[in-house]
């Protein structure tokens, strides 16, 4: 229970930390990260390793992190504003009694479908009379009857399944190294200095896929489409070497950051579609296309990515049979052979507790915001221990296991818990902690019970101006939105998003803990 008199006594001790807390990925300046808080998981320059001097290495060193000017800390947390569904739909065609049939897909929700089809939730019904859940996921393969409201939309062909966008169970046994060697392109010669040692091109692709939760097959096909690196053995020159995706930004220099940038661009479409936030694409010339409402998130990811780079005609060509998908087919065959339903009927979050010791007072310093790179998937929360020491001093407090699991990775500020214990980060529920101090942290290979010590909050694993823990979930390889159909639930406190990343709250009954890096009693929480 939150006792305001207790918080008022504890608040002065916490003020120094909470007033200063702000962080972001090491390669994303705070003004780019969207708001104050944790901007994502650790930069590869933080990963452990031993330096080596390869013979005839192709060197593309990662640039130093840009200078950071912290966004001013707000004085008070923003009040939680409950999202409301638009009172009326916005039809693009004359209202009529005509209906269409739609078969639900894994990950569908009532609200997102209503937004995509430009109808109200109550206007949709199942063909067999099955009630549609107002909250949570709709079971897949359910036939819905929906009023037809949209007259003109973009292409409706589904290009790739969702399981080929995320690093899903069907990609677990795929060997990036073997594929790269077989294709004989420049990627096999490429090396990049990351985490204190040189990494091969295949290692860089795998790391980018793992860190950004994007399928390595998709990244390889996209890299080939953009640069030819996978099959062309010639060494690129100049900007073609440093920017294989043609995204000319100094902070995104080198293959790892180019891949991460592309993953984030696609993620904006993928998770925006999941949440019902993305329904149309705007091209550079100002023209707009309404997305076909029966697309899947993986296809929208590709449509969104190419729309940011191309005009309408080039966009249509890139998505056509002779465009990107032709390379994918040449490399890997039919992408639908890799289909794996990411959300089965009845999936729920395992029981999780607040990730700190009983009786300790922490603060919700960041509401739902980006999982890894920028703000593509609002899947993470930030929590910080109260302390009289400000800044990045490693906290003496402990972060604990929110759920039991096997420690898959530990180092570079990151601890990854595999909750199903099968040793695979791409299957089942996975819980990721960021900014865990190296000293005293749990080791890879250990099994922890709920409540066991994980490590100390710090600033390790990215740019941060205050020690805290960044917590994010994945399921079958997909980032799970913190305020989505499977919301973050920690000791009965449920995450609610704000109107901007890092805002929002944890809610339990009629109680609210508001998110803010400021020194405010409204942010304090204990278990």
Protein backbone atom coordinates (compact mmCIF):
# COMPACT_ATOMS: atom_id res chain seq x y z
CA UNK A 1 0.00 0.00 0.00
CA UNK A 2 1.12 3.55 -0.70
CA UNK A 3 0.94 5.70 2.42
CA UNK A 4 1.31 9.39 1.55
CA UNK A 5 2.73 10.21 4.99
CA UNK A 6 5.47 7.62 4.48
CA UNK A 7 6.26 9.01 1.02
CA UNK A 8 6.51 12.54 2.36
CA UNK A 9 9.18 11.40 4.84
CA UNK A 10 11.12 9.42 2.26
CA UNK A 11 10.91 11.99 -0.53
CA UNK A 12 13.87 14.18 0.53
CA UNK A 13 16.20 11.17 0.46
CA UNK A 14 15.12 10.35 -3.08
CA UNK A 15 15.13 13.86 -4.48
CA UNK A 16 18.73 14.01 -5.63
CA UNK A 17 18.44 10.94 -7.80
CA UNK A 18 15.02 11.46 -9.28
CA UNK A 19 15.68 15.08 -10.19
CA UNK A 20 18.68 14.07 -12.27
CA UNK A 21 17.58 10.81 -13.87
CA UNK A 22 17.66 10.63 -17.66
CA UNK A 23 19.16 8.22 -20.13
CA UNK A 24 19.17 6.97 -23.69
CA UNK A 25 20.99 4.51 -25.92
CA UNK A 26 24.61 5.42 -26.38
CA UNK A 27 23.99 6.10 -30.08
CA UNK A 28 20.77 8.10 -29.63
CA UNK A 29 21.05 11.66 -28.26
CA UNK A 30 18.44 12.49 -25.66
CA UNK A 31 16.76 15.04 -27.89
CA UNK A 32 16.29 12.24 -30.44
CA UNK A 33 15.09 9.70 -27.90
CA UNK A 34 11.71 11.39 -27.54
CA UNK A 35 11.62 12.11 -23.83
CA UNK A 36 13.43 11.67 -20.55
CA UNK A 37 14.11 8.15 -19.41
CA UNK A 38 15.78 5.03 -20.70
CA UNK A 39 15.96 5.01 -24.46
CA UNK A 40 16.72 1.34 -25.01
CA UNK A 41 19.14 -1.49 -24.50
CA UNK A 42 22.91 -1.40 -24.46
CA UNK A 43 25.05 -0.17 -27.28
CA UNK A 44 27.27 -2.91 -28.77
CA UNK A 45 30.34 -0.98 -27.64
CA UNK A 46 29.43 -2.13 -24.13
CA UNK A 47 29.43 -5.85 -24.88
CA UNK A 48 32.23 -7.93 -23.32
CA UNK A 49 35.02 -9.31 -25.44
CA UNK A 50 38.77 -9.50 -26.01
CA UNK A 51 40.46 -7.22 -28.53
CA UNK A 52 42.08 -8.89 -31.53
CA UNK A 53 44.03 -7.63 -34.52
CA UNK A 54 42.66 -9.45 -37.58
CA UNK A 55 44.73 -9.75 -40.71
CA UNK A 56 43.56 -7.51 -43.60
CA UNK A 57 40.60 -6.32 -41.55
CA UNK A 58 38.00 -4.05 -43.03
CA UNK A 59 37.71 -1.37 -40.37
CA UNK A 60 34.52 0.53 -39.78
CA UNK A 61 34.91 1.80 -36.23
CA UNK A 62 31.83 2.95 -34.38
CA UNK A 63 31.89 6.71 -33.83
CA UNK A 64 32.11 8.11 -30.36
CA UNK A 65 28.72 8.76 -28.77
CA UNK A 66 27.48 12.27 -29.57
CA UNK A 67 27.54 14.98 -26.98
CA UNK A 68 24.42 14.79 -24.85
CA UNK A 69 22.45 17.66 -23.45
CA UNK A 70 19.81 16.37 -21.07
CA UNK A 71 16.24 17.41 -21.62
CA UNK A 72 15.06 19.55 -18.69
CA UNK A 73 13.54 17.42 -15.97
CA UNK A 74 9.82 18.12 -15.58
CA UNK A 75 8.73 19.54 -12.24
CA UNK A 76 5.74 17.23 -11.90
CA UNK A 77 4.57 14.01 -13.53
CA UNK A 78 1.96 14.30 -16.25
CA UNK A 79 -1.49 13.11 -15.15
CA UNK A 80 -2.65 9.86 -16.68
CA UNK A 81 -5.03 10.49 -19.56
CA UNK A 82 -7.13 7.48 -20.47
CA UNK A 83 -7.18 6.91 -24.24
CA UNK A 84 -10.64 7.13 -25.73
CA UNK A 85 -11.89 5.59 -28.93
CA UNK A 86 -13.02 8.18 -31.53
CA UNK A 87 -16.80 8.70 -31.12
CA UNK A 88 -17.35 8.12 -34.81
CA UNK A 89 -15.36 6.37 -37.48
CA UNK A 90 -13.89 8.34 -40.38
CA UNK A 91 -15.14 6.56 -43.49
CA UNK A 92 -13.42 7.00 -46.83
CA UNK A 93 -16.38 5.65 -48.75
CA UNK A 94 -20.11 6.23 -48.77
CA UNK A 95 -21.80 4.53 -45.86
CA UNK A 96 -23.50 1.36 -47.01
CA UNK A 97 -24.83 -1.91 -45.68
CA UNK A 98 -22.16 -3.88 -47.52
CA UNK A 99 -19.96 -6.03 -45.31
CA UNK A 100 -16.73 -7.91 -45.73
CA UNK A 101 -15.25 -11.00 -44.10
CA UNK A 102 -11.97 -10.99 -42.21
CA UNK A 103 -10.17 -13.88 -40.50
CA UNK A 104 -8.40 -12.78 -37.36
CA UNK A 105 -4.63 -13.10 -37.07
CA UNK A 106 -2.44 -13.75 -34.01
CA UNK A 107 -1.95 -10.44 -32.21
CA UNK A 108 -5.25 -8.83 -33.28
CA UNK A 109 -7.23 -6.71 -30.83
CA UNK A 110 -10.72 -5.28 -31.12
CA UNK A 111 -9.59 -1.68 -30.95
CA UNK A 112 -6.78 -2.04 -33.50
CA UNK A 113 -9.10 -3.80 -35.96
CA UNK A 114 -11.72 -1.08 -35.57
CA UNK A 115 -9.14 1.60 -36.34
CA UNK A 116 -7.77 -0.29 -39.35
CA UNK A 117 -11.22 -0.91 -40.87
CA UNK A 118 -12.49 2.58 -39.91
CA UNK A 119 -15.45 1.25 -37.94
CA UNK A 120 -16.53 1.30 -34.32
CA UNK A 121 -15.78 -1.80 -32.20
CA UNK A 122 -19.45 -2.57 -31.70
CA UNK A 123 -19.98 -2.69 -35.47
CA UNK A 124 -17.87 -5.84 -35.78
CA UNK A 125 -19.18 -9.30 -34.97
CA UNK A 126 -18.05 -12.88 -35.32
CA UNK A 127 -19.75 -15.07 -37.88
CA UNK A 128 -20.46 -17.79 -35.31
CA UNK A 129 -21.61 -15.45 -32.54
CA UNK A 130 -18.42 -15.75 -30.44
CA UNK A 131 -18.19 -12.66 -28.18
CA UNK A 132 -15.27 -10.38 -29.04
CA UNK A 133 -13.09 -9.35 -26.08
CA UNK A 134 -13.03 -5.61 -25.42
CA UNK A 135 -9.60 -6.02 -23.79
CA UNK A 136 -6.86 -8.48 -24.66
CA UNK A 137 -6.14 -10.53 -27.75
CA UNK A 138 -8.76 -11.96 -30.09
CA UNK A 139 -8.25 -15.65 -30.82
CA UNK A 140 -6.76 -16.24 -34.28
CA UNK A 141 -8.70 -17.79 -37.17
CA UNK A 142 -12.01 -16.30 -36.06
CA UNK A 143 -14.21 -15.15 -38.97
CA UNK A 144 -15.48 -11.60 -38.50
CA UNK A 145 -18.19 -9.67 -40.35
CA UNK A 146 -17.18 -6.01 -40.68
CA UNK A 147 -18.92 -3.10 -42.47
CA UNK A 148 -17.06 -2.01 -45.59
CA UNK A 149 -16.07 1.64 -45.16
CA UNK A 150 -12.81 2.08 -47.05
CA UNK A 151 -12.97 2.74 -50.77
CA UNK A 152 -9.34 2.97 -51.91
CA UNK A 153 -6.39 1.41 -50.11
CA UNK A 154 -2.87 0.32 -50.92
CA UNK A 155 -1.76 -3.17 -51.97
CA UNK A 156 -3.31 -5.92 -49.85
CA UNK A 157 -0.86 -8.75 -50.61
CA UNK A 158 0.76 -10.10 -47.47
CA UNK A 159 4.49 -10.32 -48.18
CA UNK A 160 5.99 -11.94 -45.07
CA UNK A 161 4.49 -13.46 -41.92
CA UNK A 162 5.00 -11.69 -38.61
CA UNK A 163 7.35 -14.49 -37.57
CA UNK A 164 9.72 -13.45 -40.38
CA UNK A 165 9.86 -9.91 -39.05
CA UNK A 166 10.70 -10.78 -35.44
CA UNK A 167 13.52 -13.10 -34.37
CA UNK A 168 11.04 -15.91 -33.82
CA UNK A 169 11.21 -19.62 -32.95
CA UNK A 170 11.54 -20.59 -36.63
CA UNK A 171 14.80 -18.64 -36.88
CA UNK A 172 16.47 -20.20 -33.83
CA UNK A 173 18.52 -22.74 -35.81
CA UNK A 174 19.33 -20.49 -38.76
CA UNK A 175 23.11 -20.03 -39.10
CA UNK A 176 23.98 -16.53 -40.28
CA UNK A 177 27.66 -17.47 -40.58
CA UNK A 178 27.02 -20.50 -42.82
CA UNK A 179 24.67 -18.54 -45.06
CA UNK A 180 27.08 -15.62 -45.44
CA UNK A 181 29.98 -17.95 -46.28
CA UNK A 182 27.90 -19.77 -48.88
CA UNK A 183 26.88 -16.56 -50.67
CA UNK A 184 30.46 -15.31 -51.02
CA UNK A 185 29.82 -11.58 -50.89
CA UNK A 186 31.69 -8.73 -49.27
CA UNK A 187 29.79 -9.32 -46.03
CA UNK A 188 32.03 -12.37 -45.51
CA UNK A 189 35.10 -10.08 -45.55
CA UNK A 190 33.63 -7.30 -43.46
CA UNK A 191 34.67 -6.76 -39.86
CA UNK A 192 33.59 -4.21 -37.29
CA UNK A 193 35.07 -3.38 -33.89
CA UNK A 194 32.32 -3.88 -31.31
CA UNK A 195 32.48 -4.64 -27.62
CA UNK A 196 36.26 -4.58 -27.36
CA UNK A 197 36.97 -6.95 -30.25
CA UNK A 198 36.58 -7.39 -33.97
CA UNK A 199 33.36 -9.00 -35.17
CA UNK A 200 32.77 -10.67 -38.52
CA UNK A 201 30.01 -9.46 -40.80
CA UNK A 202 27.93 -12.50 -39.84
CA UNK A 203 28.40 -11.73 -36.14
CA UNK A 204 27.32 -8.13 -36.69
CA UNK A 205 24.15 -9.23 -38.47
CA UNK A 206 23.34 -11.72 -35.70
CA UNK A 207 23.94 -9.14 -32.97
CA UNK A 208 21.72 -6.59 -34.71
CA UNK A 209 19.00 -9.23 -35.13
CA UNK A 210 19.21 -10.36 -31.49
CA UNK A 211 19.43 -6.88 -29.98
CA UNK A 212 16.60 -5.41 -32.07
CA UNK A 213 14.41 -8.54 -32.05
CA UNK A 214 14.35 -8.68 -35.86
CA UNK A 215 14.72 -11.84 -37.95
CA UNK A 216 18.26 -12.29 -39.34
CA UNK A 217 16.86 -13.67 -42.61
CA UNK A 218 14.95 -10.43 -43.12
CA UNK A 219 18.02 -8.31 -42.34
CA UNK A 220 20.18 -10.31 -44.78
CA UNK A 221 17.64 -9.98 -47.61
CA UNK A 222 17.22 -6.27 -46.94
CA UNK A 223 21.00 -5.73 -46.83
CA UNK A 224 21.31 -7.46 -50.20
CA UNK A 225 18.50 -5.35 -51.66
CA UNK A 226 20.05 -2.11 -50.46
CA UNK A 227 23.75 -2.80 -51.06
CA UNK A 228 24.44 -6.20 -52.62
CA UNK A 229 26.86 -6.99 -49.78
CA UNK A 230 25.66 -10.57 -49.36
CA UNK A 231 26.52 -11.75 -52.90
CA UNK A 232 28.79 -9.08 -54.43
CA UNK A 233 32.43 -9.72 -53.44
CA UNK A 234 33.65 -6.24 -54.40
CA UNK A 235 34.74 -3.95 -51.58
CA UNK A 236 32.48 -0.86 -51.37
CA UNK A 237 34.10 2.55 -51.32
CA UNK A 238 33.50 5.73 -49.40
CA UNK A 239 29.97 6.21 -48.11
CA UNK A 240 28.87 2.90 -49.60
CA UNK A 241 31.17 1.20 -47.09
CA UNK A 242 30.07 3.15 -44.04
CA UNK A 243 26.37 3.49 -44.95
CA UNK A 244 25.27 0.30 -46.76
CA UNK A 245 21.59 1.23 -46.35
CA UNK A 246 22.16 4.73 -47.69
CA UNK A 247 21.04 6.31 -44.41
CA UNK A 248 23.59 9.10 -44.14
CA UNK A 249 23.78 9.96 -40.47
CA UNK A 250 27.02 10.01 -38.51
CA UNK A 251 25.50 8.34 -35.46
CA UNK A 252 24.32 5.44 -37.66
CA UNK A 253 27.70 4.81 -39.26
CA UNK A 254 28.79 1.20 -39.69
CA UNK A 255 26.88 -1.98 -40.42
CA UNK A 256 25.56 -2.60 -36.90
CA UNK A 257 24.02 0.84 -36.61
CA UNK A 258 22.72 0.78 -40.17
CA UNK A 259 20.98 -2.52 -39.46
CA UNK A 260 19.64 -1.19 -36.17
CA UNK A 261 18.33 1.93 -37.89
CA UNK A 262 16.54 -0.20 -40.52
CA UNK A 263 15.13 -2.45 -37.80
CA UNK A 264 13.73 0.59 -36.00
CA UNK A 265 12.17 2.00 -39.17
CA UNK A 266 10.45 -1.30 -39.86
CA UNK A 267 9.50 -1.52 -36.19
CA UNK A 268 7.64 1.78 -36.42
CA UNK A 269 5.34 0.16 -38.95
CA UNK A 270 5.13 -3.23 -37.24
CA UNK A 271 4.32 -2.06 -33.73
CA UNK A 272 2.33 0.93 -34.94
CA UNK A 273 0.08 -1.52 -36.80
CA UNK A 274 -0.15 -3.78 -33.75
CA UNK A 275 -1.29 -0.85 -31.61
CA UNK A 276 -3.69 0.63 -34.17
CA UNK A 277 -1.56 3.78 -34.45
CA UNK A 278 -0.44 3.41 -38.08
CA UNK A 279 -3.16 3.27 -40.72
CA UNK A 280 -1.64 5.24 -43.61
CA UNK A 281 1.72 6.07 -45.17
CA UNK A 282 2.91 9.51 -46.25
CA UNK A 283 5.55 9.79 -48.98
CA UNK A 284 8.13 12.51 -49.44
CA UNK A 285 6.02 14.24 -52.09
CA UNK A 286 3.14 14.57 -49.64
CA UNK A 287 0.98 11.86 -51.19
CA UNK A 288 -0.77 9.48 -48.84
CA UNK A 289 -1.87 5.87 -49.13
CA UNK A 290 -4.32 4.21 -46.76
CA UNK A 291 -3.06 0.80 -45.69
CA UNK A 292 -5.25 -2.16 -46.62
CA UNK A 293 -6.98 -3.10 -43.34
CA UNK A 294 -6.44 -6.85 -43.69
CA UNK A 295 -2.64 -6.69 -43.90
CA UNK A 296 -0.44 -8.27 -41.25
CA UNK A 297 2.13 -6.44 -39.14
CA UNK A 298 5.15 -7.98 -40.91
CA UNK A 299 3.97 -6.69 -44.29
CA UNK A 300 3.22 -3.25 -42.87
CA UNK A 301 6.78 -3.15 -41.53
CA UNK A 302 8.11 -3.46 -45.09
CA UNK A 303 5.58 -1.03 -46.54
CA UNK A 304 6.45 1.53 -43.88
CA UNK A 305 10.22 1.12 -44.33
CA UNK A 306 10.16 1.64 -48.09
CA UNK A 307 7.70 4.55 -47.85
CA UNK A 308 10.25 6.49 -45.78
CA UNK A 309 12.83 6.14 -48.55
CA UNK A 310 10.99 6.06 -51.87
CA UNK A 311 8.34 7.84 -53.87
CA UNK A 312 5.03 6.13 -54.68
CA UNK A 313 6.18 4.54 -57.96
CA UNK A 314 9.50 3.27 -56.57
CA UNK A 315 7.70 2.10 -53.44
CA UNK A 316 5.31 0.00 -55.52
CA UNK A 317 8.25 -1.50 -57.43
CA UNK A 318 10.15 -2.33 -54.24
CA UNK A 319 7.09 -4.17 -52.91
CA UNK A 320 6.30 -5.83 -56.24
CA UNK A 321 7.23 -9.37 -57.35
CA UNK A 322 10.56 -8.22 -58.84
CA UNK A 323 11.52 -6.11 -55.85
CA UNK A 324 12.67 -6.99 -52.35
CA UNK A 325 10.58 -10.14 -52.11
CA UNK A 326 12.37 -11.62 -55.15
CA UNK A 327 15.64 -11.49 -53.22
CA UNK A 328 14.02 -13.05 -50.19
CA UNK A 329 12.65 -15.90 -52.35
CA UNK A 330 16.06 -16.43 -53.94
CA UNK A 331 17.77 -16.59 -50.55
CA UNK A 332 15.26 -18.47 -48.42
CA UNK A 333 12.30 -19.61 -50.51
CA UNK A 334 8.69 -18.86 -49.68
CA UNK A 335 8.57 -16.78 -46.45
CA UNK A 336 5.21 -18.33 -45.53
CA UNK A 337 6.97 -21.67 -45.09
CA UNK A 338 8.43 -20.07 -41.94
CA UNK A 339 5.09 -18.99 -40.53
CA UNK A 340 4.87 -19.43 -36.76
CA UNK A 341 1.88 -18.04 -34.82
CA UNK A 342 3.45 -15.69 -32.29
CA UNK A 343 0.46 -15.49 -29.95
CA UNK A 344 -1.55 -18.64 -29.34
CA UNK A 345 -5.05 -18.56 -27.84
CA UNK A 346 -5.11 -17.93 -24.11
CA UNK A 347 -1.56 -16.62 -23.75
CA UNK A 348 -1.05 -14.59 -20.55
CA UNK A 349 1.89 -12.93 -18.85
CA UNK A 350 3.48 -15.12 -16.14
CA UNK A 351 3.19 -13.82 -12.59
CA UNK A 352 5.74 -11.03 -12.07
CA UNK A 353 6.65 -8.94 -9.06
CA UNK A 354 8.10 -5.47 -8.84
CA UNK A 355 11.83 -5.97 -9.49
CA UNK A 356 13.17 -4.88 -6.10
CA UNK A 357 13.26 -6.11 -2.51
CA UNK A 358 10.23 -5.93 -0.19
CA UNK A 359 10.04 -2.81 1.92
CA UNK A 360 12.28 -0.78 -0.40
CA UNK A 361 11.05 2.46 -1.97
CA UNK A 362 11.64 2.91 -5.69
CA UNK A 363 10.33 5.36 -8.26
CA UNK A 364 8.66 4.88 -11.62
CA UNK A 365 10.95 7.15 -13.62
CA UNK A 366 9.77 6.09 -17.09
CA UNK A 367 6.39 4.87 -18.30
CA UNK A 368 5.97 2.83 -21.50
CA UNK A 369 8.71 3.72 -24.01
CA UNK A 370 11.09 2.21 -26.52
CA UNK A 371 12.34 -1.33 -25.98
CA UNK A 372 15.71 -0.93 -27.71
CA UNK A 373 16.20 1.58 -30.51
CA UNK A 374 14.36 4.87 -30.17
CA UNK A 375 10.59 4.47 -29.79
CA UNK A 376 9.39 1.85 -32.27
CA UNK A 377 7.88 -0.41 -29.60
CA UNK A 378 6.69 1.13 -26.32
CA UNK A 379 7.54 -2.04 -24.40
CA UNK A 380 9.77 -0.86 -21.53
CA UNK A 381 9.43 0.63 -18.06
CA UNK A 382 12.09 2.43 -15.97
CA UNK A 383 12.36 2.02 -12.19
CA UNK A 384 14.95 3.60 -9.90
CA UNK A 385 15.84 3.05 -6.24
CA UNK A 386 15.65 5.99 -3.84
CA UNK A 387 19.05 7.19 -2.72
CA UNK A 388 20.80 10.25 -1.35
CA UNK A 389 23.49 9.95 -4.04
CA UNK A 390 22.66 11.49 -7.41
CA UNK A 391 23.99 10.59 -10.82
CA UNK A 392 25.54 7.33 -11.96
CA UNK A 393 26.91 5.98 -8.71
CA UNK A 394 26.15 2.25 -8.65
CA UNK A 395 23.23 1.77 -6.28
CA UNK A 396 23.66 -0.33 -3.14
CA UNK A 397 20.06 -1.47 -3.64
CA UNK A 398 19.29 -4.67 -5.52
CA UNK A 399 17.19 -5.43 -8.56
CA UNK A 400 15.55 -8.84 -8.23
CA UNK A 401 14.07 -11.42 -10.56
CA UNK A 402 10.49 -10.43 -11.35
CA UNK A 403 9.86 -14.05 -12.34
CA UNK A 404 11.83 -17.30 -12.14
CA UNK A 405 14.02 -18.10 -15.12
CA UNK A 406 17.32 -19.14 -16.65
CA UNK A 407 19.94 -16.40 -17.10
CA UNK A 408 20.76 -16.51 -20.82
CA UNK A 409 23.02 -13.45 -20.99
CA UNK A 410 24.72 -11.27 -18.42
CA UNK A 411 27.17 -8.49 -19.18
CA UNK A 412 27.45 -5.05 -20.70
CA UNK A 413 24.67 -3.81 -18.42
CA UNK A 414 22.22 -6.44 -19.72
CA UNK A 415 20.69 -9.44 -17.95
CA UNK A 416 18.33 -11.68 -19.94
CA UNK A 417 16.01 -14.12 -18.15
CA UNK A 418 14.46 -16.99 -20.12
CA UNK A 419 11.24 -17.70 -18.26
CA UNK A 420 10.48 -21.03 -19.95
CA UNK A 421 14.02 -22.26 -19.26
CA UNK A 422 14.63 -23.78 -22.71
CA UNK A 423 17.78 -21.73 -23.25
CA UNK A 424 16.43 -19.84 -26.25
CA UNK A 425 15.78 -16.13 -26.32
CA UNK A 426 13.44 -16.49 -29.32
CA UNK A 427 10.85 -18.72 -27.64
CA UNK A 428 8.31 -18.10 -24.93
CA UNK A 429 8.52 -15.29 -22.38
CA UNK A 430 11.82 -13.47 -21.93
CA UNK A 431 12.54 -10.65 -19.47
CA UNK A 432 15.38 -8.21 -20.15
CA UNK A 433 17.03 -5.92 -17.60
CA UNK A 434 19.24 -3.01 -18.69
CA UNK A 435 21.65 -0.89 -16.64
CA UNK A 436 22.65 -3.74 -14.32
CA UNK A 437 26.13 -3.15 -12.87
CA UNK A 438 28.68 -5.77 -13.96
CA UNK A 439 30.04 -6.16 -10.43
CA UNK A 440 27.80 -8.39 -8.36
CA UNK A 441 25.41 -9.30 -11.17
CA UNK A 442 23.97 -12.76 -11.67
CA UNK A 443 25.92 -14.97 -14.09
CA UNK A 444 24.81 -16.56 -17.35
CA UNK A 445 23.73 -20.16 -16.89
CA UNK A 446 22.33 -19.67 -13.39
CA UNK A 447 18.67 -20.33 -12.61
CA UNK A 448 16.98 -17.73 -10.43
CA UNK A 449 13.76 -17.94 -8.48
CA UNK A 450 11.29 -15.07 -8.27
CA UNK A 451 12.74 -12.49 -5.90
CA UNK A 452 16.37 -13.66 -6.22
CA UNK A 453 19.03 -10.98 -6.56
CA UNK A 454 19.88 -9.92 -10.14
CA UNK A 455 22.33 -7.06 -9.62
CA UNK A 456 22.68 -3.40 -8.75
CA UNK A 457 21.06 -0.54 -10.73
CA UNK A 458 23.64 1.57 -12.53
CA UNK A 459 24.20 3.53 -15.74
CA UNK A 460 26.04 0.67 -17.49
CA UNK A 461 24.83 -0.39 -20.91
CA UNK A 462 24.03 2.96 -22.52
CA UNK A 463 23.99 6.65 -21.75
CA UNK A 464 22.29 7.43 -18.47
CA UNK A 465 22.49 10.30 -16.02
CA UNK A 466 21.03 8.34 -13.12
CA UNK A 467 21.23 4.73 -11.93
CA UNK A 468 18.07 2.76 -12.61
CA UNK A 469 16.67 -0.42 -14.21
CA UNK A 470 15.08 -0.58 -17.65
CA UNK A 471 12.73 -3.58 -17.87
CA UNK A 472 11.24 -5.05 -21.06
CA UNK A 473 9.49 -8.28 -22.12
CA UNK A 474 9.52 -10.41 -25.27
CA UNK A 475 7.25 -13.26 -26.26
CA UNK A 476 8.26 -15.65 -29.06
CA UNK A 477 10.77 -13.01 -30.14
CA UNK A 478 8.36 -10.05 -30.27
CA UNK A 479 8.57 -7.03 -27.98
CA UNK A 480 5.42 -7.07 -25.86
CA UNK A 481 3.92 -3.59 -25.59
CA UNK A 482 3.87 -2.39 -21.99
CA UNK A 483 0.32 -1.05 -22.35
CA UNK A 484 -0.95 -3.52 -24.93
CA UNK A 485 -3.32 -6.48 -24.84
CA UNK A 486 -0.81 -8.24 -22.54
CA UNK A 487 0.10 -5.29 -20.31
CA UNK A 488 3.02 -5.21 -17.92
CA UNK A 489 1.71 -6.45 -14.56
CA UNK A 490 4.14 -6.20 -11.64
CA UNK A 491 2.79 -7.23 -8.24
CA UNK A 492 -0.69 -6.29 -9.44
CA UNK A 493 0.43 -2.88 -10.73
CA UNK A 494 -0.56 -2.59 -14.40
CA UNK A 495 1.24 -0.31 -16.86
CA UNK A 496 -0.67 2.46 -18.62
CA UNK A 497 0.89 4.52 -21.40
CA UNK A 498 0.81 8.28 -21.59
CA UNK A 499 0.38 10.45 -24.64
CA UNK A 500 4.17 10.48 -25.14
CA UNK A 501 6.89 7.92 -24.44
CA UNK A 502 8.09 7.82 -20.82
CA UNK A 503 4.83 9.27 -19.53
CA UNK A 504 2.09 7.06 -18.08
CA UNK A 505 1.60 5.20 -14.82
CA UNK A 506 1.34 1.95 -12.91
CA UNK A 507 -2.25 1.41 -11.78
CA UNK A 508 -3.70 -0.89 -9.12
CA UNK A 509 -7.41 -0.49 -8.49
CA UNK A 510 -8.01 3.21 -7.80
CA UNK A 511 -4.33 3.87 -7.00
CA UNK A 512 -1.88 5.38 -9.48
CA UNK A 513 1.88 5.73 -9.48
CA UNK A 514 2.76 8.32 -12.11
CA UNK A 515 5.93 8.15 -14.21
CA UNK A 516 8.43 10.98 -13.95
CA UNK A 517 12.19 11.37 -13.34
CA UNK A 518 11.33 14.25 -11.02
CA UNK A 519 11.35 14.23 -7.21
CA UNK A 520 7.67 13.65 -6.57
CA UNK A 521 5.78 11.51 -4.09
CA UNK A 522 3.43 10.56 -6.94
CA UNK A 523 6.18 8.42 -8.51
CA UNK A 524 7.07 6.35 -5.44
CA UNK A 525 6.22 2.67 -5.09
CA UNK A 526 7.13 -0.28 -2.88
CA UNK A 527 6.23 -3.95 -2.42
